[in-house]
Protein backbone atom coordinates (compact mmCIF):
# COMPACT_ATOMS: atom_id res chain seq x y z
CA UNK A 1 -33.83 -84.36 58.65
CA UNK A 2 -31.57 -85.79 55.95
CA UNK A 3 -31.50 -88.39 53.24
CA UNK A 4 -27.77 -87.97 52.76
CA UNK A 5 -25.69 -91.17 52.82
CA UNK A 6 -23.16 -91.65 55.59
CA UNK A 7 -20.22 -90.92 53.32
CA UNK A 8 -21.60 -87.50 52.48
CA UNK A 9 -22.19 -86.69 56.15
CA UNK A 10 -18.60 -87.53 57.04
CA UNK A 11 -16.74 -85.01 54.92
CA UNK A 12 -14.46 -84.90 57.96
CA UNK A 13 -13.85 -88.30 59.64
CA UNK A 14 -13.96 -86.76 63.14
CA UNK A 15 -17.31 -86.73 64.96
CA UNK A 16 -17.80 -84.72 68.15
CA UNK A 17 -19.26 -87.36 70.45
CA UNK A 18 -22.21 -86.76 72.77
CA UNK A 19 -21.06 -85.98 76.31
CA UNK A 20 -23.98 -86.00 78.73
CA UNK A 21 -24.03 -84.01 81.92
CA UNK A 22 -23.01 -80.64 80.52
CA UNK A 23 -20.03 -80.74 78.13
CA UNK A 24 -22.11 -81.18 74.96
CA UNK A 25 -23.79 -77.85 74.21
CA UNK A 26 -25.50 -76.39 71.15
CA UNK A 27 -22.46 -74.14 70.82
CA UNK A 28 -20.18 -77.17 70.63
CA UNK A 29 -22.34 -78.75 67.93
CA UNK A 30 -22.50 -75.52 65.92
CA UNK A 31 -18.72 -75.10 66.19
CA UNK A 32 -18.30 -78.66 64.91
CA UNK A 33 -20.54 -77.88 61.92
CA UNK A 34 -18.53 -74.76 61.10
CA UNK A 35 -15.36 -76.88 61.22
CA UNK A 36 -16.85 -79.36 58.74
CA UNK A 37 -17.55 -82.07 61.32
CA UNK A 38 -20.69 -83.70 62.69
CA UNK A 39 -21.52 -82.92 66.30
CA UNK A 40 -23.96 -84.62 68.69
CA UNK A 41 -26.29 -83.23 71.30
CA UNK A 42 -26.51 -85.40 74.41
CA UNK A 43 -30.14 -85.93 75.41
CA UNK A 44 -29.17 -87.96 78.48
CA UNK A 45 -30.15 -86.43 81.85
CA UNK A 46 -32.22 -83.73 80.14
CA UNK A 47 -35.96 -83.30 79.93
CA UNK A 48 -37.54 -83.76 76.54
CA UNK A 49 -38.31 -80.04 76.43
CA UNK A 50 -34.65 -79.20 77.05
CA UNK A 51 -33.61 -81.56 74.27
CA UNK A 52 -36.02 -79.87 71.86
CA UNK A 53 -34.75 -76.41 72.85
CA UNK A 54 -31.17 -77.44 72.15
CA UNK A 55 -32.16 -78.86 68.75
CA UNK A 56 -33.91 -75.61 67.90
CA UNK A 57 -30.85 -73.61 68.99
CA UNK A 58 -28.57 -75.62 66.70
CA UNK A 59 -30.95 -75.33 63.75
CA UNK A 60 -31.18 -71.57 64.21
CA UNK A 61 -27.40 -71.33 63.83
CA UNK A 62 -26.59 -73.86 61.10
CA UNK A 63 -28.17 -75.89 58.32
CA UNK A 64 -25.53 -78.58 58.64
CA UNK A 65 -26.32 -82.09 59.85
CA UNK A 66 -26.07 -82.99 63.53
CA UNK A 67 -27.02 -85.90 65.74
CA UNK A 68 -28.87 -86.50 69.00
CA UNK A 69 -27.89 -89.28 71.39
CA UNK A 70 -30.47 -91.00 73.59
CA UNK A 71 -30.03 -93.44 76.50
CA UNK A 72 -31.99 -96.69 76.18
CA UNK A 73 -33.70 -97.39 79.53
CA UNK A 74 -32.45 -100.40 81.44
CA UNK A 75 -34.05 -102.36 84.28
CA UNK A 76 -34.23 -101.54 87.99
CA UNK A 77 -31.54 -103.04 90.23
CA UNK A 78 -31.95 -106.69 91.11
CA UNK A 79 -30.22 -106.23 94.48
CA UNK A 80 -31.96 -103.51 96.53
CA UNK A 81 -30.13 -104.62 99.68
CA UNK A 82 -26.73 -103.97 98.10
CA UNK A 83 -27.98 -100.60 96.89
CA UNK A 84 -29.20 -99.65 100.37
CA UNK A 85 -25.89 -100.69 101.95
CA UNK A 86 -23.95 -98.67 99.40
CA UNK A 87 -26.03 -95.55 99.96
CA UNK A 88 -25.41 -95.87 103.70
CA UNK A 89 -21.67 -95.90 103.03
CA UNK A 90 -21.95 -92.48 101.37
CA UNK A 91 -23.06 -90.77 104.60
CA UNK A 92 -19.57 -89.38 105.44
CA UNK A 93 -19.25 -87.80 101.99
CA UNK A 94 -22.69 -86.26 102.26
CA UNK A 95 -21.86 -84.87 105.69
CA UNK A 96 -18.53 -83.45 104.51
CA UNK A 97 -20.30 -81.61 101.70
CA UNK A 98 -23.28 -80.54 103.76
CA UNK A 99 -25.53 -82.35 101.29
CA UNK A 100 -28.34 -84.89 101.44
CA UNK A 101 -28.52 -87.92 99.19
CA UNK A 102 -31.18 -87.82 96.51
CA UNK A 103 -33.85 -90.45 96.07
CA UNK A 104 -32.38 -93.63 94.59
CA UNK A 105 -35.13 -94.03 92.04
CA UNK A 106 -35.27 -95.81 88.71
CA UNK A 107 -36.56 -93.73 85.80
CA UNK A 108 -36.49 -93.92 82.01
CA UNK A 109 -34.91 -90.50 81.30
CA UNK A 110 -38.10 -89.24 79.59
CA UNK A 111 -37.67 -91.89 76.92
CA UNK A 112 -41.15 -91.85 75.43
CA UNK A 113 -41.44 -88.08 75.05
CA UNK A 114 -37.95 -87.77 73.59
CA UNK A 115 -38.72 -90.41 70.99
CA UNK A 116 -41.94 -88.61 70.04
CA UNK A 117 -40.00 -85.38 69.46
CA UNK A 118 -37.30 -87.10 67.42
CA UNK A 119 -39.93 -88.69 65.19
CA UNK A 120 -41.80 -85.42 64.74
CA UNK A 121 -38.69 -83.29 64.18
CA UNK A 122 -35.93 -85.68 63.09
CA UNK A 123 -32.25 -84.73 63.16
CA UNK A 124 -29.85 -86.22 60.62
CA UNK A 125 -28.73 -88.90 63.08
CA UNK A 126 -30.23 -90.45 66.19
CA UNK A 127 -27.80 -92.58 68.16
CA UNK A 128 -28.55 -94.90 71.05
CA UNK A 129 -26.42 -95.90 74.02
CA UNK A 130 -26.93 -98.60 76.70
CA UNK A 131 -28.81 -100.89 74.33
CA UNK A 132 -30.94 -101.13 71.20
CA UNK A 133 -34.39 -99.74 70.54
CA UNK A 134 -36.98 -102.05 68.98
CA UNK A 135 -36.64 -102.69 65.26
CA UNK A 136 -40.00 -101.01 64.67
CA UNK A 137 -38.72 -97.76 66.17
CA UNK A 138 -35.56 -97.92 64.07
CA UNK A 139 -37.70 -98.26 60.95
CA UNK A 140 -39.86 -95.29 61.99
CA UNK A 141 -36.84 -93.07 62.59
CA UNK A 142 -35.34 -94.03 59.25
CA UNK A 143 -38.65 -93.37 57.49
CA UNK A 144 -38.71 -89.92 59.14
CA UNK A 145 -35.27 -89.20 57.67
CA UNK A 146 -32.81 -90.01 60.47
CA UNK A 147 -29.94 -92.43 60.33
CA UNK A 148 -29.81 -94.71 63.38
CA UNK A 149 -26.47 -95.41 65.01
CA UNK A 150 -26.03 -97.86 67.90
CA UNK A 151 -23.18 -97.82 70.44
CA UNK A 152 -21.64 -101.28 70.81
CA UNK A 153 -18.76 -102.62 72.86
CA UNK A 154 -18.49 -106.22 71.67
CA UNK A 155 -19.37 -108.51 68.77
CA UNK A 156 -22.56 -109.85 70.41
CA UNK A 157 -23.95 -106.34 70.74
CA UNK A 158 -22.97 -105.52 67.16
CA UNK A 159 -24.93 -108.53 65.92
CA UNK A 160 -28.03 -107.38 67.83
CA UNK A 161 -27.70 -103.84 66.42
CA UNK A 162 -27.31 -105.16 62.88
CA UNK A 163 -30.38 -107.37 63.30
CA UNK A 164 -32.65 -104.45 64.22
CA UNK A 165 -31.54 -102.49 61.15
CA UNK A 166 -28.96 -99.99 62.42
CA UNK A 167 -27.33 -97.77 59.80
CA UNK A 168 -23.96 -97.65 61.57
CA UNK A 169 -22.21 -98.85 64.71
CA UNK A 170 -20.41 -96.60 67.19
CA UNK A 171 -17.69 -98.97 68.36
CA UNK A 172 -16.66 -97.98 71.87
CA UNK A 173 -13.39 -99.26 73.31
CA UNK A 174 -12.42 -99.57 76.95
CA UNK A 175 -10.30 -96.39 76.83
CA UNK A 176 -13.39 -94.22 76.33
CA UNK A 177 -14.30 -91.64 78.93
CA UNK A 178 -17.55 -91.60 80.91
CA UNK A 179 -20.09 -94.41 80.80
CA UNK A 180 -19.46 -97.64 78.97
CA UNK A 181 -22.11 -98.27 76.35
CA UNK A 182 -22.54 -101.92 77.36
CA UNK A 183 -26.05 -103.29 76.82
CA UNK A 184 -26.01 -105.21 80.12
CA UNK A 185 -25.17 -103.24 83.26
CA UNK A 186 -23.77 -106.40 84.85
CA UNK A 187 -21.19 -106.96 82.12
CA UNK A 188 -17.53 -106.44 82.96
CA UNK A 189 -15.64 -103.92 80.79
CA UNK A 190 -12.44 -105.83 81.51
CA UNK A 191 -13.51 -108.69 79.22
CA UNK A 192 -13.58 -106.54 76.09
CA UNK A 193 -10.77 -106.18 73.54
CA UNK A 194 -8.95 -102.93 72.91
CA UNK A 195 -10.53 -100.51 70.44
CA UNK A 196 -8.45 -101.32 67.37
CA UNK A 197 -8.86 -105.05 67.87
CA UNK A 198 -12.60 -104.62 68.31
CA UNK A 199 -12.91 -102.46 65.18
CA UNK A 200 -10.91 -105.00 63.16
CA UNK A 201 -13.05 -107.86 64.50
CA UNK A 202 -16.32 -106.14 63.67
CA UNK A 203 -15.00 -105.06 60.27
CA UNK A 204 -14.58 -108.75 59.45
CA UNK A 205 -18.07 -109.62 60.72
CA UNK A 206 -20.33 -106.89 59.33
CA UNK A 207 -20.68 -104.57 56.36
CA UNK A 208 -22.14 -101.80 58.52
CA UNK A 209 -20.06 -98.60 58.75
CA UNK A 210 -18.03 -98.44 61.96
CA UNK A 211 -17.28 -95.28 63.97
CA UNK A 212 -14.44 -95.84 66.43
CA UNK A 213 -14.53 -94.26 69.88
CA UNK A 214 -12.31 -94.43 72.94
CA UNK A 215 -8.99 -92.79 73.73
CA UNK A 216 -8.66 -91.13 70.30
CA UNK A 217 -6.84 -87.87 70.93
CA UNK A 218 -4.35 -87.22 68.12
CA UNK A 219 -3.89 -87.66 64.39
CA UNK A 220 -2.07 -90.97 64.80
CA UNK A 221 -5.03 -92.39 66.75
CA UNK A 222 -7.42 -91.32 63.99
CA UNK A 223 -5.31 -92.93 61.27
CA UNK A 224 -4.95 -96.15 63.27
CA UNK A 225 -8.73 -96.42 63.68
CA UNK A 226 -9.32 -95.80 59.99
CA UNK A 227 -6.68 -98.35 59.10
CA UNK A 228 -8.41 -100.92 61.34
CA UNK A 229 -11.61 -100.56 59.35
CA UNK A 230 -13.50 -97.57 60.78
CA UNK A 231 -14.99 -94.98 58.43
CA UNK A 232 -14.79 -92.28 61.10
CA UNK A 233 -14.00 -91.64 64.74
CA UNK A 234 -15.95 -90.23 67.65
CA UNK A 235 -13.92 -88.05 69.98
CA UNK A 236 -15.11 -86.58 73.26
CA UNK A 237 -12.46 -86.18 75.94
CA UNK A 238 -10.12 -84.21 73.68
CA UNK A 239 -12.81 -81.49 73.44
CA UNK A 240 -13.59 -81.19 77.16
CA UNK A 241 -11.38 -78.16 77.71
CA UNK A 242 -12.20 -76.24 74.53
CA UNK A 243 -14.07 -72.95 75.08
CA UNK A 244 -17.23 -74.13 73.30
CA UNK A 245 -17.78 -77.04 75.71
CA UNK A 246 -19.95 -76.81 78.79
CA UNK A 247 -17.50 -78.68 81.01
CA UNK A 248 -17.74 -77.51 84.62
CA UNK A 249 -14.84 -75.33 85.74
CA UNK A 250 -13.76 -77.81 88.43
CA UNK A 251 -13.74 -80.67 85.92
CA UNK A 252 -11.97 -78.52 83.34
CA UNK A 253 -9.23 -77.57 85.80
CA UNK A 254 -8.74 -81.17 86.94
CA UNK A 255 -8.03 -82.29 83.37
CA UNK A 256 -4.90 -80.12 83.41
CA UNK A 257 -3.99 -80.73 87.06
CA UNK A 258 -0.83 -82.88 87.44
CA UNK A 259 -2.21 -84.27 90.72
CA UNK A 260 -4.54 -86.43 88.63
CA UNK A 261 -2.21 -88.96 87.07
CA UNK A 262 -4.49 -91.66 85.67
CA UNK A 263 -8.01 -92.74 84.84
CA UNK A 264 -9.97 -95.69 86.17
CA UNK A 265 -13.33 -97.34 85.66
CA UNK A 266 -15.83 -97.02 88.51
CA UNK A 267 -19.49 -97.52 89.42
CA UNK A 268 -19.13 -95.26 92.48
CA UNK A 269 -20.93 -92.21 91.09
CA UNK A 270 -23.67 -93.78 89.00
CA UNK A 271 -23.94 -97.55 89.42
CA UNK A 272 -22.72 -98.10 85.85
CA UNK A 273 -19.11 -98.60 84.71
CA UNK A 274 -17.63 -95.24 83.72
CA UNK A 275 -14.07 -94.02 83.20
CA UNK A 276 -12.83 -90.85 84.85
CA UNK A 277 -9.85 -89.24 86.52
CA UNK A 278 -9.00 -91.32 89.56
CA UNK A 279 -9.99 -89.37 92.67
CA UNK A 280 -10.63 -90.05 96.34
CA UNK A 281 -14.33 -90.83 95.95
CA UNK A 282 -13.50 -93.62 93.51
CA UNK A 283 -10.84 -94.98 95.87
CA UNK A 284 -13.16 -94.82 98.87
CA UNK A 285 -16.04 -96.62 97.11
CA UNK A 286 -14.58 -99.43 94.98
CA UNK A 287 -17.49 -101.83 95.49
CA UNK A 288 -20.51 -99.90 94.25
CA UNK A 289 -23.18 -102.31 93.00
CA UNK A 290 -24.75 -102.38 89.56
CA UNK A 291 -27.66 -100.00 90.11
CA UNK A 292 -28.12 -97.43 87.36
CA UNK A 293 -29.74 -94.95 87.35
CA UNK A 294 -30.57 -95.39 91.05
CA UNK A 295 -27.07 -94.53 92.31
CA UNK A 296 -26.74 -91.75 89.76
CA UNK A 297 -29.95 -90.18 91.08
CA UNK A 298 -28.85 -90.60 94.70
CA UNK A 299 -25.41 -89.03 94.22
CA UNK A 300 -26.60 -86.11 92.08
CA UNK A 301 -26.88 -83.72 95.07
CA UNK A 302 -23.42 -84.81 96.29
CA UNK A 303 -21.88 -84.11 92.91
CA UNK A 304 -23.61 -80.76 92.69
CA UNK A 305 -22.35 -79.83 96.16
CA UNK A 306 -18.83 -80.95 95.28
CA UNK A 307 -18.87 -78.83 92.12
CA UNK A 308 -20.12 -75.80 94.04
CA UNK A 309 -17.43 -76.28 96.69
CA UNK A 310 -14.65 -76.81 94.16
CA UNK A 311 -14.08 -80.32 95.56
CA UNK A 312 -12.59 -82.31 92.68
CA UNK A 313 -12.07 -85.33 94.94
CA UNK A 314 -15.83 -85.95 95.22
CA UNK A 315 -16.87 -84.97 91.70
CA UNK A 316 -17.25 -87.30 88.73
CA UNK A 317 -14.39 -86.23 86.45
CA UNK A 318 -15.25 -88.29 83.39
CA UNK A 319 -12.35 -88.62 80.97
CA UNK A 320 -10.84 -91.15 78.58
CA UNK A 321 -7.23 -92.28 78.64
CA UNK A 322 -6.24 -89.58 76.14
CA UNK A 323 -7.17 -86.75 78.52
CA UNK A 324 -3.57 -85.51 78.64
CA UNK A 325 -3.95 -84.26 75.05
CA UNK A 326 -7.07 -82.20 75.79
CA UNK A 327 -6.31 -78.50 75.39
CA UNK A 328 -8.13 -75.19 75.80
CA UNK A 329 -7.82 -74.45 72.07
CA UNK A 330 -10.97 -73.71 70.04
CA UNK A 331 -12.80 -76.76 68.79
CA UNK A 332 -12.00 -75.95 65.14
CA UNK A 333 -8.28 -75.98 65.90
CA UNK A 334 -8.55 -79.39 67.51
CA UNK A 335 -10.66 -80.73 64.64
CA UNK A 336 -8.09 -79.51 62.12
CA UNK A 337 -5.28 -81.19 64.05
CA UNK A 338 -7.17 -84.50 64.22
CA UNK A 339 -7.99 -84.31 60.51
CA UNK A 340 -4.42 -83.46 59.56
CA UNK A 341 -5.22 -80.15 57.96
């Protein structure tokens, strides 16, 4: 819990972004705090109890501020026939891995219980991705002592976030790794401006503090974002290989493997647009429908089997366009480089 203003929280302009699915660990957040930066726990894909345990672990190791990121539940797919056809197309991959598809179910990622915990035991910052919570919830979190940050990818979303009382906007550009923070799962990421243009646009439209995210991997990127109007930057991909991250060994190795030459945006693994290293699974399944989290739930056993088998061609290798600058150096070393110190 904190009543500190944003400027005091950002003694260092670099924020360690939440990376759901394993990379964001309590150790990563604690290392960020020791380096003078703010780190985020990723509550996505975890039970509420697991989220609480991670918060307790961080608090036992540091008194510094940290954040928790939560996914806003969306709606079930509107095209069950397209979902069924897509799942049928995954049969050869499942057979090759000796795996069985999971149930393609919609669920809210333990939303209600997570919110209860965050209200009872508030961190310094609660951020939301995939949409906005209700204004009443934002007010409750702020009254409890948390700042509320909303991930936005376009001006329309920024206006909605401002209207419900957000304290800051996490401005995500198209170069960002993993899932796009778009409010509507049917929106096309190709219609959005590049990060610096988006930051500059929002800077002219709102007085809310802006945190830039997407493809930021070196000092020059940080300075460019600050010059465009951001007060800080969120970096994720550049930390994927550092020893404090929980990145799976197969994913970690792929980030430094010259056979992976580019990133691309796909729905193939989850049903939501997400950027990762271009691999065979993405090439084989270019027409996955908008169906999140149904496809994500269905492919979970396939991804687990691919990881266990060391099969990087069938694993989601989330990464932003700056992945080539990710190194296995300690997080503090990377933070210092990004901050120019």
